């Protein structure tokens, strides 16, 4: 069975394959969060940050920005505005 670049086996289901491609791509993207700032914020709440939390937070920021960009395009603009988020 062929495998994707990130080591996942490819399945015949298009949606699952697409999800795996997005997951693999997410591993290659640079972080959009400042780790020290995130950790300090969580520490101020008297909690600790798991090592894999930062990647998930960055993924959430990517998803938020992707959705905002799509809304901006749908409104025929090239500037992302607060109402797009």
PDB file of N, CA and C in Angstrom:
ATOM      1  N   UNK A   1       0.850  -1.180   0.000  1.00  0.00           N
ATOM      2  CA  UNK A   1       0.000   0.000   0.000  1.00  0.00           C
ATOM      3  C   UNK A   1       0.891   1.238   0.000  1.00  0.00           C
ATOM      4  N   UNK A   2       0.654   2.215  -0.894  1.00  0.00           N
ATOM      5  CA  UNK A   2       1.464   3.429  -0.912  1.00  0.00           C
ATOM      6  C   UNK A   2       1.214   4.260   0.337  1.00  0.00           C
ATOM      7  N   UNK A   3       2.200   5.052   0.701  1.00  0.00           N
ATOM      8  CA  UNK A   3       2.048   5.902   1.875  1.00  0.00           C
ATOM      9  C   UNK A   3       2.271   7.349   1.511  1.00  0.00           C
ATOM     10  N   UNK A   4       1.665   8.240   2.270  1.00  0.00           N
ATOM     11  CA  UNK A   4       1.855   9.674   2.060  1.00  0.00           C
ATOM     12  C   UNK A   4       3.190  10.092   2.643  1.00  0.00           C
ATOM     13  N   UNK A   5       3.598  11.309   2.341  1.00  0.00           N
ATOM     14  CA  UNK A   5       4.892  11.819   2.777  1.00  0.00           C
ATOM     15  C   UNK A   5       5.036  11.832   4.295  1.00  0.00           C
ATOM     16  N   UNK A   6       3.936  11.974   5.008  1.00  0.00           N
ATOM     17  CA  UNK A   6       4.036  12.046   6.466  1.00  0.00           C
ATOM     18  C   UNK A   6       3.907  10.673   7.107  1.00  0.00           C
ATOM     19  N   UNK A   7       3.794   9.622   6.314  1.00  0.00           N
ATOM     20  CA  UNK A   7       3.816   8.277   6.852  1.00  0.00           C
ATOM     21  C   UNK A   7       2.463   7.614   7.005  1.00  0.00           C
ATOM     22  N   UNK A   8       1.366   8.241   6.595  1.00  0.00           N
ATOM     23  CA  UNK A   8       0.056   7.637   6.699  1.00  0.00           C
ATOM     24  C   UNK A   8      -0.229   6.815   5.453  1.00  0.00           C
ATOM     25  N   UNK A   9      -0.843   5.665   5.617  1.00  0.00           N
ATOM     26  CA  UNK A   9      -1.237   4.856   4.480  1.00  0.00           C
ATOM     27  C   UNK A   9      -2.392   5.516   3.753  1.00  0.00           C
ATOM     28  N   UNK A  10      -2.405   5.455   2.439  1.00  0.00           N
ATOM     29  CA  UNK A  10      -3.490   6.059   1.666  1.00  0.00           C
ATOM     30  C   UNK A  10      -4.648   5.077   1.574  1.00  0.00           C
ATOM     31  N   UNK A  11      -5.851   5.565   1.785  1.00  0.00           N
ATOM     32  CA  UNK A  11      -7.046   4.756   1.688  1.00  0.00           C
ATOM     33  C   UNK A  11      -7.832   5.191   0.471  1.00  0.00           C
ATOM     34  N   UNK A  12      -8.753   4.372   0.045  1.00  0.00           N
ATOM     35  CA  UNK A  12      -9.530   4.674  -1.138  1.00  0.00           C
ATOM     36  C   UNK A  12     -10.600   5.726  -0.951  1.00  0.00           C
ATOM     37  N   UNK A  13     -10.868   6.137   0.245  1.00  0.00           N
ATOM     38  CA  UNK A  13     -11.915   7.117   0.510  1.00  0.00           C
ATOM     39  C   UNK A  13     -11.373   8.513   0.261  1.00  0.00           C
ATOM     40  N   UNK A  14     -12.009   9.226  -0.666  1.00  0.00           N
ATOM     41  CA  UNK A  14     -11.541  10.561  -1.043  1.00  0.00           C
ATOM     42  C   UNK A  14     -11.508  11.533   0.130  1.00  0.00           C
ATOM     43  N   UNK A  15     -12.544  11.532   0.942  1.00  0.00           N
ATOM     44  CA  UNK A  15     -12.587  12.489   2.054  1.00  0.00           C
ATOM     45  C   UNK A  15     -11.511  12.184   3.080  1.00  0.00           C
ATOM     46  N   UNK A  16     -11.300  10.918   3.376  1.00  0.00           N
ATOM     47  CA  UNK A  16     -10.261  10.554   4.337  1.00  0.00           C
ATOM     48  C   UNK A  16      -8.886  10.880   3.781  1.00  0.00           C
ATOM     49  N   UNK A  17      -8.678  10.651   2.503  1.00  0.00           N
ATOM     50  CA  UNK A  17      -7.409  10.993   1.868  1.00  0.00           C
ATOM     51  C   UNK A  17      -7.178  12.492   1.941  1.00  0.00           C
ATOM     52  N   UNK A  18      -8.225  13.279   1.696  1.00  0.00           N
ATOM     53  CA  UNK A  18      -8.114  14.733   1.755  1.00  0.00           C
ATOM     54  C   UNK A  18      -7.766  15.182   3.175  1.00  0.00           C
ATOM     55  N   UNK A  19      -8.395  14.587   4.171  1.00  0.00           N
ATOM     56  CA  UNK A  19      -8.095  14.918   5.561  1.00  0.00           C
ATOM     57  C   UNK A  19      -6.640  14.611   5.872  1.00  0.00           C
ATOM     58  N   UNK A  20      -6.151  13.473   5.402  1.00  0.00           N
ATOM     59  CA  UNK A  20      -4.755  13.103   5.657  1.00  0.00           C
ATOM     60  C   UNK A  20      -3.811  14.062   4.948  1.00  0.00           C
ATOM     61  N   UNK A  21      -4.175  14.511   3.740  1.00  0.00           N
ATOM     62  CA  UNK A  21      -3.334  15.470   3.021  1.00  0.00           C
ATOM     63  C   UNK A  21      -3.249  16.787   3.786  1.00  0.00           C
ATOM     64  N   UNK A  22      -4.382  17.230   4.310  1.00  0.00           N
ATOM     65  CA  UNK A  22      -4.406  18.467   5.083  1.00  0.00           C
ATOM     66  C   UNK A  22      -3.562  18.298   6.345  1.00  0.00           C
ATOM     67  N   UNK A  23      -3.692  17.143   7.003  1.00  0.00           N
ATOM     68  CA  UNK A  23      -2.907  16.881   8.206  1.00  0.00           C
ATOM     69  C   UNK A  23      -1.423  16.877   7.880  1.00  0.00           C
ATOM     70  N   UNK A  24      -1.039  16.244   6.788  1.00  0.00           N
ATOM     71  CA  UNK A  24       0.369  16.204   6.386  1.00  0.00           C
ATOM     72  C   UNK A  24       0.872  17.606   6.072  1.00  0.00           C
ATOM     73  N   UNK A  25       0.045  18.387   5.384  1.00  0.00           N
ATOM     74  CA  UNK A  25       0.427  19.740   5.023  1.00  0.00           C
ATOM     75  C   UNK A  25       0.583  20.597   6.284  1.00  0.00           C
ATOM     76  N   UNK A  26      -0.267  20.358   7.271  1.00  0.00           N
ATOM     77  CA  UNK A  26      -0.207  21.138   8.505  1.00  0.00           C
ATOM     78  C   UNK A  26       1.123  20.930   9.213  1.00  0.00           C
ATOM     79  N   UNK A  27       1.684  19.736   9.103  1.00  0.00           N
ATOM     80  CA  UNK A  27       2.973  19.462   9.737  1.00  0.00           C
ATOM     81  C   UNK A  27       4.094  20.277   9.103  1.00  0.00           C
ATOM     82  N   UNK A  28       3.930  20.641   7.836  1.00  0.00           N
ATOM     83  CA  UNK A  28       4.986  21.340   7.113  1.00  0.00           C
ATOM     84  C   UNK A  28       4.873  22.863   7.225  1.00  0.00           C
ATOM     85  N   UNK A  29       3.755  23.371   7.701  1.00  0.00           N
ATOM     86  CA  UNK A  29       3.557  24.814   7.804  1.00  0.00           C
ATOM     87  C   UNK A  29       4.293  25.367   9.014  1.00  0.00           C
ATOM     88  N   UNK A  30       4.683  26.631   8.903  1.00  0.00           N
ATOM     89  CA  UNK A  30       5.332  27.264  10.040  1.00  0.00           C
ATOM     90  C   UNK A  30       4.276  27.703  11.052  1.00  0.00           C
ATOM     91  N   UNK A  31       4.677  27.816  12.289  1.00  0.00           N
ATOM     92  CA  UNK A  31       3.765  28.188  13.352  1.00  0.00           C
ATOM     93  C   UNK A  31       3.362  29.658  13.230  1.00  0.00           C
ATOM     94  N   UNK A  32       2.108  29.940  13.510  1.00  0.00           N
ATOM     95  CA  UNK A  32       1.609  31.309  13.492  1.00  0.00           C
ATOM     96  C   UNK A  32       1.447  31.864  14.903  1.00  0.00           C
ATOM     97  N   UNK A  33       1.907  31.121  15.889  1.00  0.00           N
ATOM     98  CA  UNK A  33       1.788  31.574  17.273  1.00  0.00           C
ATOM     99  C   UNK A  33       3.177  31.716  17.887  1.00  0.00           C
ATOM    100  N   UNK A  34       3.279  32.618  18.835  1.00  0.00           N
ATOM    101  CA  UNK A  34       4.536  32.807  19.567  1.00  0.00           C
ATOM    102  C   UNK A  34       4.460  31.907  20.794  1.00  0.00           C
ATOM    103  N   UNK A  35       5.273  30.868  20.792  1.00  0.00           N
ATOM    104  CA  UNK A  35       5.207  29.846  21.833  1.00  0.00           C
ATOM    105  C   UNK A  35       5.359  30.435  23.229  1.00  0.00           C
ATOM    106  N   UNK A  36       6.316  31.320  23.407  1.00  0.00           N
ATOM    107  CA  UNK A  36       6.550  31.876  24.738  1.00  0.00           C
ATOM    108  C   UNK A  36       5.351  32.673  25.233  1.00  0.00           C
ATOM    109  N   UNK A  37       4.669  33.366  24.338  1.00  0.00           N
ATOM    110  CA  UNK A  37       3.500  34.154  24.720  1.00  0.00           C
ATOM    111  C   UNK A  37       2.324  33.248  25.092  1.00  0.00           C
ATOM    112  N   UNK A  38       2.129  32.196  24.312  1.00  0.00           N
ATOM    113  CA  UNK A  38       1.057  31.244  24.605  1.00  0.00           C
ATOM    114  C   UNK A  38       1.319  30.569  25.952  1.00  0.00           C
ATOM    115  N   UNK A  39       2.539  30.113  26.144  1.00  0.00           N
ATOM    116  CA  UNK A  39       2.882  29.441  27.406  1.00  0.00           C
ATOM    117  C   UNK A  39       2.736  30.380  28.593  1.00  0.00           C
ATOM    118  N   UNK A  40       3.136  31.636  28.450  1.00  0.00           N
ATOM    119  CA  UNK A  40       3.009  32.609  29.535  1.00  0.00           C
ATOM    120  C   UNK A  40       1.540  32.875  29.853  1.00  0.00           C
ATOM    121  N   UNK A  41       0.724  32.971  28.840  1.00  0.00           N
ATOM    122  CA  UNK A  41      -0.713  33.210  29.040  1.00  0.00           C
ATOM    123  C   UNK A  41      -1.341  32.052  29.807  1.00  0.00           C
ATOM    124  N   UNK A  42      -1.027  30.841  29.385  1.00  0.00           N
ATOM    125  CA  UNK A  42      -1.591  29.660  30.050  1.00  0.00           C
ATOM    126  C   UNK A  42      -1.029  29.520  31.463  1.00  0.00           C
ATOM    127  N   UNK A  43       0.249  29.828  31.636  1.00  0.00           N
ATOM    128  CA  UNK A  43       0.857  29.763  32.961  1.00  0.00           C
ATOM    129  C   UNK A  43       0.204  30.770  33.908  1.00  0.00           C
ATOM    130  N   UNK A  44      -0.166  31.941  33.402  1.00  0.00           N
ATOM    131  CA  UNK A  44      -0.855  32.946  34.210  1.00  0.00           C
ATOM    132  C   UNK A  44      -2.214  32.439  34.691  1.00  0.00           C
ATOM    133  N   UNK A  45      -2.765  31.471  34.000  1.00  0.00           N
ATOM    134  CA  UNK A  45      -4.029  30.843  34.387  1.00  0.00           C
ATOM    135  C   UNK A  45      -3.789  29.677  35.341  1.00  0.00           C
ATOM    136  N   UNK A  46      -2.531  29.534  35.806  1.00  0.00           N
ATOM    137  CA  UNK A  46      -2.129  28.462  36.738  1.00  0.00           C
ATOM    138  C   UNK A  46      -2.272  27.072  36.113  1.00  0.00           C
ATOM    139  N   UNK A  47      -1.925  26.991  34.817  1.00  0.00           N
ATOM    140  CA  UNK A  47      -1.994  25.724  34.094  1.00  0.00           C
ATOM    141  C   UNK A  47      -0.696  25.518  33.333  1.00  0.00           C
ATOM    142  N   UNK A  48      -0.537  24.325  32.785  1.00  0.00           N
ATOM    143  CA  UNK A  48       0.648  24.015  31.994  1.00  0.00           C
ATOM    144  C   UNK A  48       0.235  23.775  30.545  1.00  0.00           C
ATOM    145  N   UNK A  49       1.208  23.925  29.641  1.00  0.00           N
ATOM    146  CA  UNK A  49       0.968  23.745  28.207  1.00  0.00           C
ATOM    147  C   UNK A  49       1.593  22.439  27.746  1.00  0.00           C
ATOM    148  N   UNK A  50       0.803  21.569  27.142  1.00  0.00           N
ATOM    149  CA  UNK A  50       1.332  20.333  26.569  1.00  0.00           C
ATOM    150  C   UNK A  50       2.145  20.679  25.326  1.00  0.00           C
ATOM    151  N   UNK A  51       3.136  19.889  25.042  1.00  0.00           N
ATOM    152  CA  UNK A  51       4.044  20.190  23.931  1.00  0.00           C
ATOM    153  C   UNK A  51       3.326  20.228  22.582  1.00  0.00           C
ATOM    154  N   UNK A  52       2.314  19.412  22.388  1.00  0.00           N
ATOM    155  CA  UNK A  52       1.617  19.380  21.103  1.00  0.00           C
ATOM    156  C   UNK A  52       0.480  20.400  21.013  1.00  0.00           C
ATOM    157  N   UNK A  53       0.238  21.148  22.078  1.00  0.00           N
ATOM    158  CA  UNK A  53      -0.819  22.159  22.074  1.00  0.00           C
ATOM    159  C   UNK A  53      -0.520  23.294  21.106  1.00  0.00           C
ATOM    160  N   UNK A  54       0.723  23.697  21.024  1.00  0.00           N
ATOM    161  CA  UNK A  54       1.087  24.837  20.176  1.00  0.00           C
ATOM    162  C   UNK A  54       0.787  24.573  18.707  1.00  0.00           C
ATOM    163  N   UNK A  55       1.030  23.362  18.252  1.00  0.00           N
ATOM    164  CA  UNK A  55       0.737  23.021  16.859  1.00  0.00           C
ATOM    165  C   UNK A  55      -0.760  23.078  16.588  1.00  0.00           C
ATOM    166  N   UNK A  56      -1.563  22.611  17.539  1.00  0.00           N
ATOM    167  CA  UNK A  56      -3.017  22.649  17.365  1.00  0.00           C
ATOM    168  C   UNK A  56      -3.539  24.085  17.387  1.00  0.00           C
ATOM    169  N   UNK A  57      -2.955  24.915  18.235  1.00  0.00           N
ATOM    170  CA  UNK A  57      -3.356  26.317  18.278  1.00  0.00           C
ATOM    171  C   UNK A  57      -3.021  26.989  16.953  1.00  0.00           C
ATOM    172  N   UNK A  58      -1.849  26.711  16.428  1.00  0.00           N
ATOM    173  CA  UNK A  58      -1.450  27.269  15.138  1.00  0.00           C
ATOM    174  C   UNK A  58      -2.378  26.774  14.027  1.00  0.00           C
ATOM    175  N   UNK A  59      -2.741  25.494  14.060  1.00  0.00           N
ATOM    176  CA  UNK A  59      -3.677  24.953  13.066  1.00  0.00           C
ATOM    177  C   UNK A  59      -5.018  25.675  13.135  1.00  0.00           C
ATOM    178  N   UNK A  60      -5.461  25.984  14.354  1.00  0.00           N
ATOM    179  CA  UNK A  60      -6.726  26.698  14.529  1.00  0.00           C
ATOM    180  C   UNK A  60      -6.624  28.108  13.944  1.00  0.00           C
ATOM    181  N   UNK A  61      -5.485  28.747  14.104  1.00  0.00           N
ATOM    182  CA  UNK A  61      -5.281  30.085  13.546  1.00  0.00           C
ATOM    183  C   UNK A  61      -5.290  30.010  12.019  1.00  0.00           C
ATOM    184  N   UNK A  62      -4.617  28.990  11.447  1.00  0.00           N
ATOM    185  CA  UNK A  62      -4.647  28.804   9.990  1.00  0.00           C
ATOM    186  C   UNK A  62      -6.094  28.645   9.503  1.00  0.00           C
ATOM    187  N   UNK A  63      -6.871  27.817  10.199  1.00  0.00           N
ATOM    188  CA  UNK A  63      -8.263  27.571   9.796  1.00  0.00           C
ATOM    189  C   UNK A  63      -9.079  28.858   9.883  1.00  0.00           C
ATOM    190  N   UNK A  64      -8.875  29.629  10.938  1.00  0.00           N
ATOM    191  CA  UNK A  64      -9.572  30.898  11.114  1.00  0.00           C
ATOM    192  C   UNK A  64      -9.236  31.866   9.978  1.00  0.00           C
ATOM    193  N   UNK A  65      -7.954  31.955   9.644  1.00  0.00           N
ATOM    194  CA  UNK A  65      -7.522  32.858   8.574  1.00  0.00           C
ATOM    195  C   UNK A  65      -7.990  32.386   7.203  1.00  0.00           C
ATOM    196  N   UNK A  66      -7.988  31.070   6.980  1.00  0.00           N
ATOM    197  CA  UNK A  66      -8.492  30.535   5.705  1.00  0.00           C
ATOM    198  C   UNK A  66      -9.964  30.879   5.526  1.00  0.00           C
ATOM    199  N   UNK A  67     -10.751  30.716   6.591  1.00  0.00           N
ATOM    200  CA  UNK A  67     -12.180  31.035   6.522  1.00  0.00           C
ATOM    201  C   UNK A  67     -12.384  32.536   6.296  1.00  0.00           C
ATOM    202  N   UNK A  68     -11.592  33.350   6.957  1.00  0.00           N
ATOM    203  CA  UNK A  68     -11.688  34.802   6.776  1.00  0.00           C
ATOM    204  C   UNK A  68     -11.330  35.193   5.344  1.00  0.00           C
ATOM    205  N   UNK A  69     -10.315  34.566   4.786  1.00  0.00           N
ATOM    206  CA  UNK A  69      -9.920  34.869   3.405  1.00  0.00           C
ATOM    207  C   UNK A  69     -11.020  34.468   2.427  1.00  0.00           C
ATOM    208  N   UNK A  70     -11.662  33.329   2.672  1.00  0.00           N
ATOM    209  CA  UNK A  70     -12.759  32.902   1.800  1.00  0.00           C
ATOM    210  C   UNK A  70     -13.927  33.884   1.869  1.00  0.00           C
ATOM    211  N   UNK A  71     -14.254  34.349   3.065  1.00  0.00           N
ATOM    212  CA  UNK A  71     -15.339  35.321   3.226  1.00  0.00           C
ATOM    213  C   UNK A  71     -14.979  36.632   2.524  1.00  0.00           C
ATOM    214  N   UNK A  72     -13.724  37.018   2.630  1.00  0.00           N
ATOM    215  CA  UNK A  72     -13.267  38.242   1.964  1.00  0.00           C
ATOM    216  C   UNK A  72     -13.429  38.112   0.452  1.00  0.00           C
ATOM    217  N   UNK A  73     -13.017  36.977  -0.108  1.00  0.00           N
ATOM    218  CA  UNK A  73     -13.169  36.743  -1.551  1.00  0.00           C
ATOM    219  C   UNK A  73     -14.639  36.756  -1.954  1.00  0.00           C
ATOM    220  N   UNK A  74     -15.479  36.123  -1.132  1.00  0.00           N
ATOM    221  CA  UNK A  74     -16.914  36.063  -1.436  1.00  0.00           C
ATOM    222  C   UNK A  74     -17.532  37.454  -1.473  1.00  0.00           C
ATOM    223  N   UNK A  75     -16.959  38.368  -0.722  1.00  0.00           N
ATOM    224  CA  UNK A  75     -17.444  39.747  -0.703  1.00  0.00           C
ATOM    225  C   UNK A  75     -16.686  40.644  -1.688  1.00  0.00           C
ATOM    226  N   UNK A  76     -15.932  40.036  -2.569  1.00  0.00           N
ATOM    227  CA  UNK A  76     -15.189  40.729  -3.631  1.00  0.00           C
ATOM    228  C   UNK A  76     -14.263  41.817  -3.100  1.00  0.00           C
ATOM    229  N   UNK A  77     -13.566  41.473  -2.033  1.00  0.00           N
ATOM    230  CA  UNK A  77     -12.583  42.386  -1.450  1.00  0.00           C
ATOM    231  C   UNK A  77     -11.234  41.687  -1.420  1.00  0.00           C
ATOM    232  N   UNK A  78     -10.177  42.464  -1.215  1.00  0.00           N
ATOM    233  CA  UNK A  78      -8.851  41.882  -1.067  1.00  0.00           C
ATOM    234  C   UNK A  78      -8.267  42.181   0.304  1.00  0.00           C
ATOM    235  N   UNK A  79      -9.042  42.838   1.152  1.00  0.00           N
ATOM    236  CA  UNK A  79      -8.604  43.161   2.497  1.00  0.00           C
ATOM    237  C   UNK A  79      -9.425  42.391   3.509  1.00  0.00           C
ATOM    238  N   UNK A  80      -8.779  41.599   4.341  1.00  0.00           N
ATOM    239  CA  UNK A  80      -9.474  40.878   5.398  1.00  0.00           C
ATOM    240  C   UNK A  80      -9.799  41.885   6.505  1.00  0.00           C
ATOM    241  N   UNK A  81     -11.067  41.950   6.856  1.00  0.00           N
ATOM    242  CA  UNK A  81     -11.542  42.892   7.878  1.00  0.00           C
ATOM    243  C   UNK A  81     -12.001  42.121   9.119  1.00  0.00           C
ATOM    244  N   UNK A  82     -12.139  42.824  10.241  1.00  0.00           N
ATOM    245  CA  UNK A  82     -12.558  42.138  11.467  1.00  0.00           C
ATOM    246  C   UNK A  82     -13.857  41.348  11.305  1.00  0.00           C
ATOM    247  N   UNK A  83     -14.796  41.843  10.517  1.00  0.00           N
ATOM    248  CA  UNK A  83     -16.042  41.125  10.354  1.00  0.00           C
ATOM    249  C   UNK A  83     -15.892  39.813   9.578  1.00  0.00           C
ATOM    250  N   UNK A  84     -14.742  39.606   8.929  1.00  0.00           N
ATOM    251  CA  UNK A  84     -14.485  38.361   8.210  1.00  0.00           C
ATOM    252  C   UNK A  84     -14.060  37.234   9.154  1.00  0.00           C
ATOM    253  N   UNK A  85     -13.668  37.614  10.347  1.00  0.00           N
ATOM    254  CA  UNK A  85     -13.149  36.620  11.302  1.00  0.00           C
ATOM    255  C   UNK A  85     -14.262  36.132  12.201  1.00  0.00           C
TER     256      UNK A  85
END
